[in-house]
Amino acid sequence: MVVGILVLVGLIAVLLCYILLAPITFYLNSTTGICLLRFHRLAQASLHLDSSTVRVQLQILGFRKQVEMGKPPAKEVTKREPKHAAKKRKPTTRPFHFVLRKLLAAIRTTRVKRCLVAWDTGDMATNGILYPWVAAASHRWGHPLYINFWGEQTLILKLEWRIARVLWAVISN
């Protein structure tokens, strides 16, 4: 009996550690049109943008489901009689700076695994003005940022979060 409880507690602890430490990855590639959100190997959602439809492909524990997003059918609107309204209390809210500080702490936990930006504004003079600034930012940041002159816009971005790191940042800040 005690051994079974210890095994169950151990399995729950391992599962909790996996959930807290497994990476959540966001991947965006403008050349192939892939937008992907992935929770390690457990779950994945990818967004495919076509000219007329938007498709979402979900994969959870090996099961796949593809959903095509379209306009929902129009619903009939029926009028309801209003119920007797009770006194509304003003909801208690936290100060904006408190929420903003927590949000910024959570955003700072983002790890940029890959970032490639190659952009053309379409104007030769603007590209010439932006080129040294973007080259300096690329050198400073350590990720390739380019201003090109041949009309190509490319964005490849891979971001990673871990739930434990985000929770720690929000709680400790």
N, C-alpha and C. Protein backbone atom coordinates (compact mmCIF):
# COMPACT_ATOMS: atom_id res chain seq x y z
N MET A 1 0.82 -1.20 0.00
CA MET A 1 0.00 0.00 0.00
C MET A 1 0.87 1.26 0.00
N VAL A 2 1.87 1.30 0.88
CA VAL A 2 2.75 2.46 0.98
C VAL A 2 3.60 2.58 -0.28
N VAL A 3 4.04 1.44 -0.80
CA VAL A 3 4.86 1.46 -2.01
C VAL A 3 4.05 1.99 -3.19
N GLY A 4 2.78 1.60 -3.28
CA GLY A 4 1.92 2.09 -4.35
C GLY A 4 1.71 3.59 -4.27
N ILE A 5 1.54 4.10 -3.06
CA ILE A 5 1.37 5.54 -2.87
C ILE A 5 2.66 6.27 -3.24
N LEU A 6 3.81 5.73 -2.86
CA LEU A 6 5.09 6.36 -3.20
C LEU A 6 5.32 6.35 -4.72
N VAL A 7 4.95 5.27 -5.38
CA VAL A 7 5.10 5.21 -6.83
C VAL A 7 4.18 6.25 -7.49
N LEU A 8 2.95 6.37 -7.00
CA LEU A 8 2.00 7.35 -7.54
C LEU A 8 2.51 8.77 -7.32
N VAL A 9 3.01 9.07 -6.15
CA VAL A 9 3.56 10.40 -5.86
C VAL A 9 4.78 10.67 -6.74
N GLY A 10 5.62 9.65 -6.94
CA GLY A 10 6.78 9.80 -7.81
C GLY A 10 6.39 10.09 -9.25
N LEU A 11 5.38 9.38 -9.76
CA LEU A 11 4.90 9.62 -11.12
C LEU A 11 4.31 11.02 -11.26
N ILE A 12 3.57 11.46 -10.27
CA ILE A 12 3.01 12.81 -10.32
C ILE A 12 4.13 13.84 -10.29
N ALA A 13 5.17 13.62 -9.48
CA ALA A 13 6.29 14.56 -9.41
C ALA A 13 7.04 14.61 -10.75
N VAL A 14 7.25 13.47 -11.38
CA VAL A 14 7.93 13.43 -12.68
C VAL A 14 7.10 14.14 -13.73
N LEU A 15 5.78 13.90 -13.74
CA LEU A 15 4.90 14.57 -14.70
C LEU A 15 4.89 16.08 -14.47
N LEU A 16 4.86 16.52 -13.23
CA LEU A 16 4.88 17.94 -12.92
C LEU A 16 6.20 18.58 -13.36
N CYS A 17 7.32 17.90 -13.11
CA CYS A 17 8.62 18.42 -13.56
C CYS A 17 8.67 18.50 -15.09
N TYR A 18 8.10 17.50 -15.77
CA TYR A 18 8.09 17.52 -17.23
C TYR A 18 7.30 18.71 -17.74
N ILE A 19 6.13 18.94 -17.16
CA ILE A 19 5.28 20.05 -17.61
C ILE A 19 5.97 21.39 -17.34
N LEU A 20 6.63 21.53 -16.20
CA LEU A 20 7.27 22.80 -15.86
C LEU A 20 8.54 23.07 -16.66
N LEU A 21 9.28 22.01 -17.01
CA LEU A 21 10.58 22.21 -17.64
C LEU A 21 10.61 21.97 -19.15
N ALA A 22 9.56 21.39 -19.71
CA ALA A 22 9.53 21.15 -21.16
C ALA A 22 9.34 22.47 -21.89
N PRO A 23 10.04 22.67 -22.99
CA PRO A 23 9.94 23.96 -23.69
C PRO A 23 8.66 24.11 -24.50
N ILE A 24 8.15 25.33 -24.52
CA ILE A 24 7.06 25.71 -25.40
C ILE A 24 7.71 26.54 -26.50
N THR A 25 7.53 26.13 -27.74
CA THR A 25 8.22 26.74 -28.87
C THR A 25 7.21 27.39 -29.81
N PHE A 26 7.53 28.61 -30.24
CA PHE A 26 6.76 29.31 -31.27
C PHE A 26 7.68 29.46 -32.47
N TYR A 27 7.23 29.00 -33.64
CA TYR A 27 8.04 29.06 -34.84
C TYR A 27 7.24 29.73 -35.94
N LEU A 28 7.84 30.70 -36.60
CA LEU A 28 7.21 31.44 -37.69
C LEU A 28 8.18 31.51 -38.85
N ASN A 29 7.72 31.10 -40.04
CA ASN A 29 8.54 31.15 -41.24
C ASN A 29 7.69 31.75 -42.35
N SER A 30 8.05 32.95 -42.79
CA SER A 30 7.23 33.63 -43.80
C SER A 30 7.45 33.07 -45.20
N THR A 31 8.57 32.43 -45.46
CA THR A 31 8.80 31.90 -46.80
C THR A 31 7.97 30.65 -47.07
N THR A 32 7.78 29.81 -46.06
CA THR A 32 6.98 28.60 -46.23
C THR A 32 5.55 28.78 -45.73
N GLY A 33 5.27 29.86 -44.99
CA GLY A 33 3.92 30.12 -44.48
C GLY A 33 3.56 29.29 -43.27
N ILE A 34 4.54 28.89 -42.48
CA ILE A 34 4.28 28.07 -41.31
C ILE A 34 4.26 28.93 -40.07
N CYS A 35 3.25 28.72 -39.24
CA CYS A 35 3.15 29.33 -37.92
C CYS A 35 2.83 28.19 -36.96
N LEU A 36 3.73 27.90 -36.03
CA LEU A 36 3.64 26.68 -35.24
C LEU A 36 3.83 27.00 -33.77
N LEU A 37 2.97 26.44 -32.93
CA LEU A 37 3.11 26.52 -31.48
C LEU A 37 3.20 25.10 -30.97
N ARG A 38 4.27 24.79 -30.23
CA ARG A 38 4.52 23.41 -29.87
C ARG A 38 4.91 23.29 -28.40
N PHE A 39 4.30 22.34 -27.70
CA PHE A 39 4.68 22.03 -26.33
C PHE A 39 5.49 20.74 -26.37
N HIS A 40 6.79 20.90 -26.43
CA HIS A 40 7.77 19.82 -26.54
C HIS A 40 7.29 18.80 -27.55
N ARG A 41 7.11 17.55 -27.16
CA ARG A 41 6.64 16.54 -28.11
C ARG A 41 5.21 16.13 -27.78
N LEU A 42 4.63 16.75 -26.78
CA LEU A 42 3.32 16.34 -26.31
C LEU A 42 2.19 16.89 -27.17
N ALA A 43 2.25 18.17 -27.50
CA ALA A 43 1.14 18.80 -28.24
C ALA A 43 1.71 19.82 -29.22
N GLN A 44 0.99 20.02 -30.32
CA GLN A 44 1.45 20.95 -31.36
C GLN A 44 0.23 21.50 -32.08
N ALA A 45 0.27 22.79 -32.38
CA ALA A 45 -0.77 23.42 -33.18
C ALA A 45 -0.09 24.24 -34.27
N SER A 46 -0.45 24.00 -35.51
CA SER A 46 0.15 24.77 -36.60
C SER A 46 -0.94 25.46 -37.39
N LEU A 47 -0.63 26.65 -37.83
CA LEU A 47 -1.56 27.50 -38.57
C LEU A 47 -1.06 27.61 -40.00
N HIS A 48 -1.91 27.26 -40.96
CA HIS A 48 -1.56 27.34 -42.37
C HIS A 48 -2.47 28.37 -43.02
N LEU A 49 -1.88 29.39 -43.60
CA LEU A 49 -2.65 30.45 -44.24
C LEU A 49 -2.62 30.24 -45.74
N ASP A 50 -3.76 29.97 -46.33
CA ASP A 50 -3.90 29.89 -47.78
C ASP A 50 -4.55 31.18 -48.25
N SER A 51 -4.72 31.30 -49.56
CA SER A 51 -5.32 32.52 -50.11
C SER A 51 -6.77 32.68 -49.70
N SER A 52 -7.50 31.57 -49.52
CA SER A 52 -8.93 31.69 -49.21
C SER A 52 -9.31 31.13 -47.85
N THR A 53 -8.52 30.23 -47.30
CA THR A 53 -8.90 29.60 -46.04
C THR A 53 -7.75 29.66 -45.04
N VAL A 54 -8.13 29.43 -43.82
CA VAL A 54 -7.16 29.31 -42.72
C VAL A 54 -7.37 27.92 -42.13
N ARG A 55 -6.29 27.15 -42.10
CA ARG A 55 -6.37 25.80 -41.54
C ARG A 55 -5.53 25.72 -40.28
N VAL A 56 -6.06 25.04 -39.28
CA VAL A 56 -5.34 24.79 -38.04
C VAL A 56 -5.19 23.28 -37.92
N GLN A 57 -3.95 22.84 -37.74
CA GLN A 57 -3.70 21.42 -37.57
C GLN A 57 -3.25 21.19 -36.14
N LEU A 58 -4.00 20.38 -35.40
CA LEU A 58 -3.71 20.08 -34.01
C LEU A 58 -3.18 18.67 -33.89
N GLN A 59 -2.19 18.50 -33.04
CA GLN A 59 -1.65 17.17 -32.79
C GLN A 59 -1.41 17.07 -31.29
N ILE A 60 -2.11 16.15 -30.65
CA ILE A 60 -1.98 15.95 -29.21
C ILE A 60 -1.78 14.46 -28.96
N LEU A 61 -0.67 14.13 -28.35
CA LEU A 61 -0.31 12.74 -28.03
C LEU A 61 -0.44 11.81 -29.24
N GLY A 62 -0.04 12.28 -30.41
CA GLY A 62 -0.05 11.47 -31.62
C GLY A 62 -1.35 11.52 -32.40
N PHE A 63 -2.41 12.05 -31.84
CA PHE A 63 -3.67 12.18 -32.56
C PHE A 63 -3.69 13.49 -33.31
N ARG A 64 -4.09 13.44 -34.59
CA ARG A 64 -4.10 14.64 -35.43
C ARG A 64 -5.52 15.01 -35.81
N LYS A 65 -5.75 16.30 -35.86
CA LYS A 65 -7.04 16.83 -36.29
C LYS A 65 -6.78 18.10 -37.07
N GLN A 66 -7.39 18.21 -38.23
CA GLN A 66 -7.25 19.41 -39.05
C GLN A 66 -8.59 20.13 -39.08
N VAL A 67 -8.56 21.41 -38.77
CA VAL A 67 -9.78 22.21 -38.70
C VAL A 67 -9.64 23.36 -39.70
N GLU A 68 -10.64 23.52 -40.55
CA GLU A 68 -10.64 24.65 -41.47
C GLU A 68 -11.51 25.74 -40.88
N MET A 69 -10.92 26.92 -40.77
CA MET A 69 -11.64 28.04 -40.20
C MET A 69 -12.34 28.78 -41.32
N GLY A 70 -13.59 29.05 -41.13
CA GLY A 70 -14.36 29.81 -42.09
C GLY A 70 -15.34 30.70 -41.34
N LYS A 71 -16.23 31.28 -42.05
CA LYS A 71 -17.23 32.11 -41.40
C LYS A 71 -18.24 31.21 -40.70
N PRO A 72 -18.56 31.49 -39.44
CA PRO A 72 -19.56 30.68 -38.75
C PRO A 72 -20.95 31.01 -39.30
N PRO A 73 -21.85 30.04 -39.25
CA PRO A 73 -23.20 30.32 -39.75
C PRO A 73 -23.88 31.38 -38.89
N ALA A 74 -24.71 32.19 -39.54
CA ALA A 74 -25.39 33.26 -38.81
C ALA A 74 -26.43 32.66 -37.88
N LYS A 75 -26.49 33.16 -36.68
CA LYS A 75 -27.44 32.68 -35.68
C LYS A 75 -28.60 33.65 -35.60
N GLU A 76 -29.75 33.10 -35.28
CA GLU A 76 -30.90 33.96 -35.06
C GLU A 76 -30.75 34.64 -33.72
N VAL A 77 -31.06 35.91 -33.69
CA VAL A 77 -30.96 36.66 -32.46
C VAL A 77 -32.35 36.76 -31.85
N THR A 78 -32.47 36.27 -30.64
CA THR A 78 -33.75 36.36 -29.94
C THR A 78 -33.58 37.31 -28.78
N LYS A 79 -34.61 38.11 -28.56
CA LYS A 79 -34.55 39.07 -27.45
C LYS A 79 -34.93 38.36 -26.17
N ARG A 80 -34.20 38.66 -25.15
CA ARG A 80 -34.51 38.13 -23.83
C ARG A 80 -34.95 39.28 -22.95
N GLU A 81 -35.83 38.94 -22.06
CA GLU A 81 -36.24 39.96 -21.12
C GLU A 81 -35.17 40.10 -20.05
N PRO A 82 -34.79 41.33 -19.74
CA PRO A 82 -33.75 41.50 -18.73
C PRO A 82 -34.23 41.07 -17.35
N LYS A 83 -33.38 40.38 -16.65
CA LYS A 83 -33.67 39.98 -15.28
C LYS A 83 -33.44 41.17 -14.37
N HIS A 84 -33.98 41.07 -13.19
CA HIS A 84 -33.80 42.13 -12.21
C HIS A 84 -32.31 42.22 -11.88
N ALA A 85 -31.74 43.37 -12.19
CA ALA A 85 -30.31 43.55 -12.00
C ALA A 85 -29.99 43.81 -10.53
N ALA A 86 -29.06 43.06 -10.01
CA ALA A 86 -28.61 43.28 -8.64
C ALA A 86 -27.61 44.43 -8.65
N LYS A 87 -27.31 44.93 -7.48
CA LYS A 87 -26.34 46.01 -7.39
C LYS A 87 -24.99 45.51 -7.86
N LYS A 88 -24.40 46.24 -8.76
CA LYS A 88 -23.09 45.84 -9.29
C LYS A 88 -22.00 46.45 -8.43
N ARG A 89 -21.12 45.59 -8.00
CA ARG A 89 -19.97 46.08 -7.27
C ARG A 89 -18.88 46.42 -8.26
N LYS A 90 -18.14 47.42 -7.94
CA LYS A 90 -17.02 47.77 -8.79
C LYS A 90 -15.95 46.69 -8.60
N PRO A 91 -15.51 46.06 -9.70
CA PRO A 91 -14.52 45.00 -9.54
C PRO A 91 -13.20 45.57 -9.03
N THR A 92 -12.58 44.81 -8.17
CA THR A 92 -11.28 45.24 -7.65
C THR A 92 -10.23 44.94 -8.70
N THR A 93 -9.49 45.94 -9.05
CA THR A 93 -8.45 45.77 -10.06
C THR A 93 -7.10 46.14 -9.46
N ARG A 94 -6.10 45.56 -10.01
CA ARG A 94 -4.75 45.89 -9.59
C ARG A 94 -4.29 47.12 -10.36
N PRO A 95 -3.39 47.86 -9.80
CA PRO A 95 -2.87 49.01 -10.54
C PRO A 95 -2.20 48.56 -11.84
N PHE A 96 -2.28 49.42 -12.84
CA PHE A 96 -1.76 49.09 -14.16
C PHE A 96 -0.26 48.80 -14.13
N HIS A 97 0.49 49.55 -13.35
CA HIS A 97 1.94 49.35 -13.31
C HIS A 97 2.29 47.99 -12.72
N PHE A 98 1.45 47.48 -11.80
CA PHE A 98 1.69 46.17 -11.21
C PHE A 98 1.53 45.08 -12.27
N VAL A 99 0.45 45.17 -13.06
CA VAL A 99 0.20 44.19 -14.11
C VAL A 99 1.25 44.31 -15.20
N LEU A 100 1.63 45.53 -15.56
CA LEU A 100 2.63 45.74 -16.59
C LEU A 100 3.98 45.17 -16.17
N ARG A 101 4.34 45.35 -14.91
CA ARG A 101 5.61 44.82 -14.41
C ARG A 101 5.64 43.30 -14.48
N LYS A 102 4.53 42.64 -14.12
CA LYS A 102 4.45 41.18 -14.20
C LYS A 102 4.51 40.71 -15.66
N LEU A 103 3.83 41.43 -16.54
CA LEU A 103 3.82 41.07 -17.95
C LEU A 103 5.21 41.21 -18.57
N LEU A 104 5.91 42.28 -18.25
CA LEU A 104 7.26 42.47 -18.77
C LEU A 104 8.22 41.41 -18.23
N ALA A 105 8.04 41.03 -16.97
CA ALA A 105 8.88 39.97 -16.40
C ALA A 105 8.65 38.65 -17.14
N ALA A 106 7.41 38.36 -17.48
CA ALA A 106 7.11 37.13 -18.22
C ALA A 106 7.68 37.20 -19.64
N ILE A 107 7.62 38.37 -20.28
CA ILE A 107 8.15 38.52 -21.63
C ILE A 107 9.67 38.38 -21.64
N ARG A 108 10.33 38.86 -20.58
CA ARG A 108 11.80 38.77 -20.53
C ARG A 108 12.30 37.34 -20.45
N THR A 109 11.44 36.38 -20.10
CA THR A 109 11.86 34.98 -20.03
C THR A 109 11.94 34.33 -21.41
N THR A 110 11.51 35.03 -22.44
CA THR A 110 11.54 34.49 -23.80
C THR A 110 12.98 34.31 -24.26
N ARG A 111 13.26 33.17 -24.80
CA ARG A 111 14.56 32.90 -25.39
C ARG A 111 14.41 32.90 -26.91
N VAL A 112 15.20 33.71 -27.59
CA VAL A 112 15.17 33.75 -29.05
C VAL A 112 16.18 32.72 -29.54
N LYS A 113 15.67 31.64 -30.09
CA LYS A 113 16.53 30.56 -30.58
C LYS A 113 17.00 30.83 -32.01
N ARG A 114 16.13 31.44 -32.81
CA ARG A 114 16.52 31.76 -34.18
C ARG A 114 15.73 32.98 -34.64
N CYS A 115 16.42 33.89 -35.26
CA CYS A 115 15.77 35.08 -35.81
C CYS A 115 16.51 35.47 -37.08
N LEU A 116 15.80 35.51 -38.17
CA LEU A 116 16.37 35.95 -39.43
C LEU A 116 15.35 36.90 -40.06
N VAL A 117 15.78 38.12 -40.28
CA VAL A 117 14.93 39.12 -40.91
C VAL A 117 15.67 39.66 -42.12
N ALA A 118 15.08 39.53 -43.30
CA ALA A 118 15.61 40.11 -44.53
C ALA A 118 14.48 40.93 -45.12
N TRP A 119 14.64 42.22 -45.17
CA TRP A 119 13.54 43.10 -45.53
C TRP A 119 13.93 44.08 -46.61
N ASP A 120 12.98 44.41 -47.46
CA ASP A 120 13.15 45.44 -48.48
C ASP A 120 11.96 46.37 -48.37
N THR A 121 12.21 47.65 -48.18
CA THR A 121 11.12 48.61 -48.04
C THR A 121 10.52 48.99 -49.38
N GLY A 122 11.20 48.70 -50.46
CA GLY A 122 10.70 49.06 -51.78
C GLY A 122 11.24 50.39 -52.28
N ASP A 123 11.89 51.12 -51.40
CA ASP A 123 12.46 52.42 -51.77
C ASP A 123 13.97 52.34 -51.58
N MET A 124 14.71 52.59 -52.64
CA MET A 124 16.17 52.48 -52.61
C MET A 124 16.79 53.43 -51.58
N ALA A 125 16.29 54.65 -51.50
CA ALA A 125 16.86 55.63 -50.56
C ALA A 125 16.61 55.22 -49.12
N THR A 126 15.41 54.74 -48.82
CA THR A 126 15.11 54.30 -47.45
C THR A 126 15.95 53.10 -47.08
N ASN A 127 16.11 52.16 -48.02
CA ASN A 127 16.98 51.01 -47.77
C ASN A 127 18.41 51.46 -47.46
N GLY A 128 18.90 52.44 -48.20
CA GLY A 128 20.25 52.95 -47.98
C GLY A 128 20.40 53.61 -46.62
N ILE A 129 19.37 54.31 -46.16
CA ILE A 129 19.42 54.94 -44.84
C ILE A 129 19.36 53.89 -43.74
N LEU A 130 18.51 52.87 -43.92
CA LEU A 130 18.32 51.85 -42.88
C LEU A 130 19.47 50.85 -42.81
N TYR A 131 20.19 50.65 -43.90
CA TYR A 131 21.21 49.61 -43.96
C TYR A 131 22.25 49.69 -42.84
N PRO A 132 22.91 50.83 -42.58
CA PRO A 132 23.91 50.84 -41.50
C PRO A 132 23.30 50.63 -40.12
N TRP A 133 22.09 51.13 -39.90
CA TRP A 133 21.43 50.95 -38.60
C TRP A 133 21.09 49.48 -38.36
N VAL A 134 20.57 48.84 -39.36
CA VAL A 134 20.20 47.43 -39.24
C VAL A 134 21.45 46.56 -39.11
N ALA A 135 22.52 46.89 -39.83
CA ALA A 135 23.77 46.14 -39.71
C ALA A 135 24.34 46.28 -38.30
N ALA A 136 24.27 47.47 -37.72
CA ALA A 136 24.75 47.67 -36.35
C ALA A 136 23.89 46.90 -35.35
N ALA A 137 22.57 46.91 -35.54
CA ALA A 137 21.67 46.17 -34.65
C ALA A 137 21.91 44.67 -34.77
N SER A 138 22.18 44.20 -36.00
CA SER A 138 22.46 42.78 -36.21
C SER A 138 23.74 42.37 -35.49
N HIS A 139 24.76 43.21 -35.57
CA HIS A 139 26.02 42.92 -34.90
C HIS A 139 25.85 42.94 -33.38
N ARG A 140 25.09 43.90 -32.89
CA ARG A 140 24.88 44.04 -31.44
C ARG A 140 24.04 42.90 -30.88
N TRP A 141 22.98 42.51 -31.62
CA TRP A 141 22.05 41.52 -31.13
C TRP A 141 22.54 40.10 -31.35
N GLY A 142 23.31 39.88 -32.39
CA GLY A 142 23.85 38.55 -32.65
C GLY A 142 22.97 37.69 -33.53
N HIS A 143 21.89 38.23 -34.06
CA HIS A 143 21.02 37.50 -34.98
C HIS A 143 21.05 38.22 -36.33
N PRO A 144 20.96 37.47 -37.43
CA PRO A 144 21.06 38.11 -38.74
C PRO A 144 19.84 38.96 -39.08
N LEU A 145 20.07 40.24 -39.26
CA LEU A 145 19.06 41.19 -39.73
C LEU A 145 19.62 41.81 -41.01
N TYR A 146 18.84 41.80 -42.07
CA TYR A 146 19.34 42.29 -43.34
C TYR A 146 18.37 43.29 -43.95
N ILE A 147 18.90 44.26 -44.63
CA ILE A 147 18.13 45.10 -45.54
C ILE A 147 18.61 44.70 -46.93
N ASN A 148 17.68 44.21 -47.75
CA ASN A 148 18.09 43.80 -49.09
C ASN A 148 17.49 44.75 -50.12
N PHE A 149 17.97 44.64 -51.32
CA PHE A 149 17.56 45.55 -52.39
C PHE A 149 16.89 44.82 -53.54
N TRP A 150 16.45 43.60 -53.33
CA TRP A 150 15.85 42.84 -54.43
C TRP A 150 14.40 42.46 -54.17
N GLY A 151 13.72 43.16 -53.26
CA GLY A 151 12.29 43.01 -53.08
C GLY A 151 11.85 41.80 -52.29
N GLU A 152 12.67 41.28 -51.43
CA GLU A 152 12.35 40.08 -50.67
C GLU A 152 12.07 40.44 -49.22
N GLN A 153 10.97 39.92 -48.69
CA GLN A 153 10.66 40.07 -47.28
C GLN A 153 10.62 38.68 -46.65
N THR A 154 11.54 38.44 -45.72
CA THR A 154 11.64 37.15 -45.08
C THR A 154 11.70 37.35 -43.58
N LEU A 155 10.93 36.54 -42.86
CA LEU A 155 10.97 36.54 -41.40
C LEU A 155 10.94 35.10 -40.94
N ILE A 156 11.98 34.69 -40.24
CA ILE A 156 12.04 33.37 -39.63
C ILE A 156 12.33 33.61 -38.15
N LEU A 157 11.45 33.13 -37.29
CA LEU A 157 11.54 33.41 -35.87
C LEU A 157 11.22 32.16 -35.08
N LYS A 158 12.08 31.84 -34.11
CA LYS A 158 11.84 30.71 -33.23
C LYS A 158 12.05 31.18 -31.80
N LEU A 159 10.98 31.17 -31.02
CA LEU A 159 11.02 31.61 -29.63
C LEU A 159 10.73 30.42 -28.72
N GLU A 160 11.28 30.46 -27.50
CA GLU A 160 11.08 29.35 -26.58
C GLU A 160 10.83 29.86 -25.18
N TRP A 161 9.88 29.23 -24.50
CA TRP A 161 9.59 29.53 -23.11
C TRP A 161 9.57 28.22 -22.33
N ARG A 162 9.79 28.33 -21.05
CA ARG A 162 9.57 27.23 -20.13
C ARG A 162 8.63 27.73 -19.05
N ILE A 163 7.63 26.93 -18.72
CA ILE A 163 6.61 27.36 -17.78
C ILE A 163 7.22 27.69 -16.43
N ALA A 164 8.18 26.92 -15.97
CA ALA A 164 8.80 27.18 -14.66
C ALA A 164 9.49 28.54 -14.65
N ARG A 165 10.17 28.88 -15.73
CA ARG A 165 10.87 30.16 -15.79
C ARG A 165 9.89 31.34 -15.80
N VAL A 166 8.78 31.19 -16.53
CA VAL A 166 7.77 32.25 -16.58
C VAL A 166 7.12 32.41 -15.21
N LEU A 167 6.75 31.30 -14.57
CA LEU A 167 6.14 31.38 -13.24
C LEU A 167 7.09 32.01 -12.23
N TRP A 168 8.35 31.63 -12.27
CA TRP A 168 9.33 32.19 -11.34
C TRP A 168 9.48 33.70 -11.55
N ALA A 169 9.50 34.14 -12.79
CA ALA A 169 9.62 35.57 -13.08
C ALA A 169 8.40 36.34 -12.59
N VAL A 170 7.22 35.78 -12.77
CA VAL A 170 6.00 36.47 -12.35
C VAL A 170 5.88 36.49 -10.83
N ILE A 171 6.22 35.39 -10.18
CA ILE A 171 6.09 35.32 -8.72
C ILE A 171 7.14 36.16 -8.03
N SER A 172 8.37 36.12 -8.52
CA SER A 172 9.46 36.85 -7.83
C SER A 172 9.49 38.34 -8.14
N ASN A 173 8.77 38.77 -9.13
CA ASN A 173 8.80 40.18 -9.49
C ASN A 173 7.67 40.93 -8.83
